[in-house]
Amino acid sequence: MVQDDAVIGCTGELLIGTRGAAGPGEILVRVRGGSETFLAWSREPLPKGATVLVIESRGCRTVDVIAWADPLDALDGGALGAG
């Protein structure tokens, strides 16, 4: 199976939640100038609509993902205006 290196490091949204070791979900990823879907596996179950980060490609349009929160979303805005 050939890995799809272009998708590694991309974020996406789960269209179908993952079930951990019990089964994959489905992710929509913006990659190569468009949007593509992949089967998504995770160690622990993740809900539909969760934002995830692709950490590995298994080939055959299947990836491993982890939950993802954009670190810039954590900024409260107050630090930007300080000074």
Protein backbone atom coordinates (compact mmCIF):
# COMPACT_ATOMS: atom_id res chain seq x y z
CA MET A 1 0.00 0.00 0.00
CA VAL A 2 1.31 3.40 -0.97
CA GLN A 3 1.13 6.16 1.63
CA ASP A 4 -0.51 9.46 0.74
CA ASP A 5 2.06 11.88 2.19
CA ALA A 6 0.12 14.97 1.03
CA VAL A 7 -2.61 14.38 3.61
CA ILE A 8 -0.28 13.94 6.62
CA GLY A 9 -0.38 17.09 8.76
CA CYS A 10 -3.72 18.25 7.35
CA THR A 11 -6.70 18.94 9.56
CA GLY A 12 -10.24 17.95 8.78
CA GLU A 13 -13.71 17.36 10.16
CA LEU A 14 -15.17 13.98 11.02
CA LEU A 15 -18.24 13.27 8.90
CA ILE A 16 -18.72 10.00 10.78
CA GLY A 17 -17.30 9.61 14.29
CA THR A 18 -14.56 7.07 14.96
CA ARG A 19 -15.04 4.14 17.36
CA GLY A 20 -11.44 3.64 18.45
CA ALA A 21 -10.29 0.06 17.90
CA ALA A 22 -13.91 -0.96 17.12
CA GLY A 23 -13.94 0.77 13.75
CA PRO A 24 -13.13 3.79 11.60
CA GLY A 25 -15.03 6.95 10.90
CA GLU A 26 -14.84 9.22 7.86
CA ILE A 27 -12.96 12.51 7.56
CA LEU A 28 -13.26 15.37 5.08
CA VAL A 29 -9.84 16.91 4.43
CA ARG A 30 -8.90 19.96 2.37
CA VAL A 31 -5.93 18.77 0.34
CA ARG A 32 -4.52 19.25 -3.17
CA GLY A 33 -6.71 22.29 -3.84
CA GLY A 34 -9.96 20.50 -3.05
CA SER A 35 -11.71 18.37 -0.46
CA GLU A 36 -11.37 14.59 -0.19
CA THR A 37 -12.77 11.96 2.14
CA PHE A 38 -10.78 9.22 3.86
CA LEU A 39 -11.49 6.42 6.31
CA ALA A 40 -10.22 7.66 9.67
CA TRP A 41 -8.93 5.54 12.55
CA SER A 42 -8.17 6.85 16.05
CA ARG A 43 -7.03 5.25 19.31
CA GLU A 44 -10.06 6.51 21.21
CA PRO A 45 -13.56 7.23 19.89
CA LEU A 46 -14.05 10.73 18.46
CA PRO A 47 -17.47 12.29 17.77
CA LYS A 48 -18.95 13.38 14.46
CA GLY A 49 -18.01 17.00 13.77
CA ALA A 50 -14.73 16.85 15.71
CA THR A 51 -11.72 18.61 14.22
CA VAL A 52 -8.85 16.16 13.80
CA LEU A 53 -5.24 16.13 12.62
CA VAL A 54 -4.02 13.45 10.20
CA ILE A 55 -0.90 11.88 11.72
CA GLU A 56 -0.37 8.89 9.41
CA SER A 57 -1.48 7.49 6.07
CA ARG A 58 -2.20 3.77 5.85
CA GLY A 59 -2.66 3.90 2.09
CA CYS A 60 -5.90 2.98 0.26
CA ARG A 61 -7.52 6.31 1.35
CA THR A 62 -7.19 5.38 5.04
CA VAL A 63 -5.55 7.59 7.70
CA ASP A 64 -4.85 7.75 11.43
CA VAL A 65 -6.09 10.86 13.24
CA ILE A 66 -5.98 12.54 16.65
CA ALA A 67 -8.25 15.19 18.15
CA TRP A 68 -7.05 18.69 17.25
CA ALA A 69 -7.61 22.13 18.71
CA ASP A 70 -5.97 25.06 16.93
CA PRO A 71 -3.55 26.65 19.44
CA LEU A 72 -4.39 30.10 18.05
CA ASP A 73 -8.00 29.64 19.19
CA ALA A 74 -6.71 29.62 22.78
CA LEU A 75 -5.56 33.24 22.52
CA ASP A 76 -7.93 35.42 24.50
CA GLY A 77 -7.26 38.53 22.44
CA GLY A 78 -6.07 40.50 25.48
CA ALA A 79 -2.45 39.60 24.89
CA LEU A 80 -2.59 40.96 21.35
CA GLY A 81 -3.68 44.44 22.45
CA ALA A 82 -1.34 44.71 25.43
CA GLY A 83 1.33 47.26 25.24
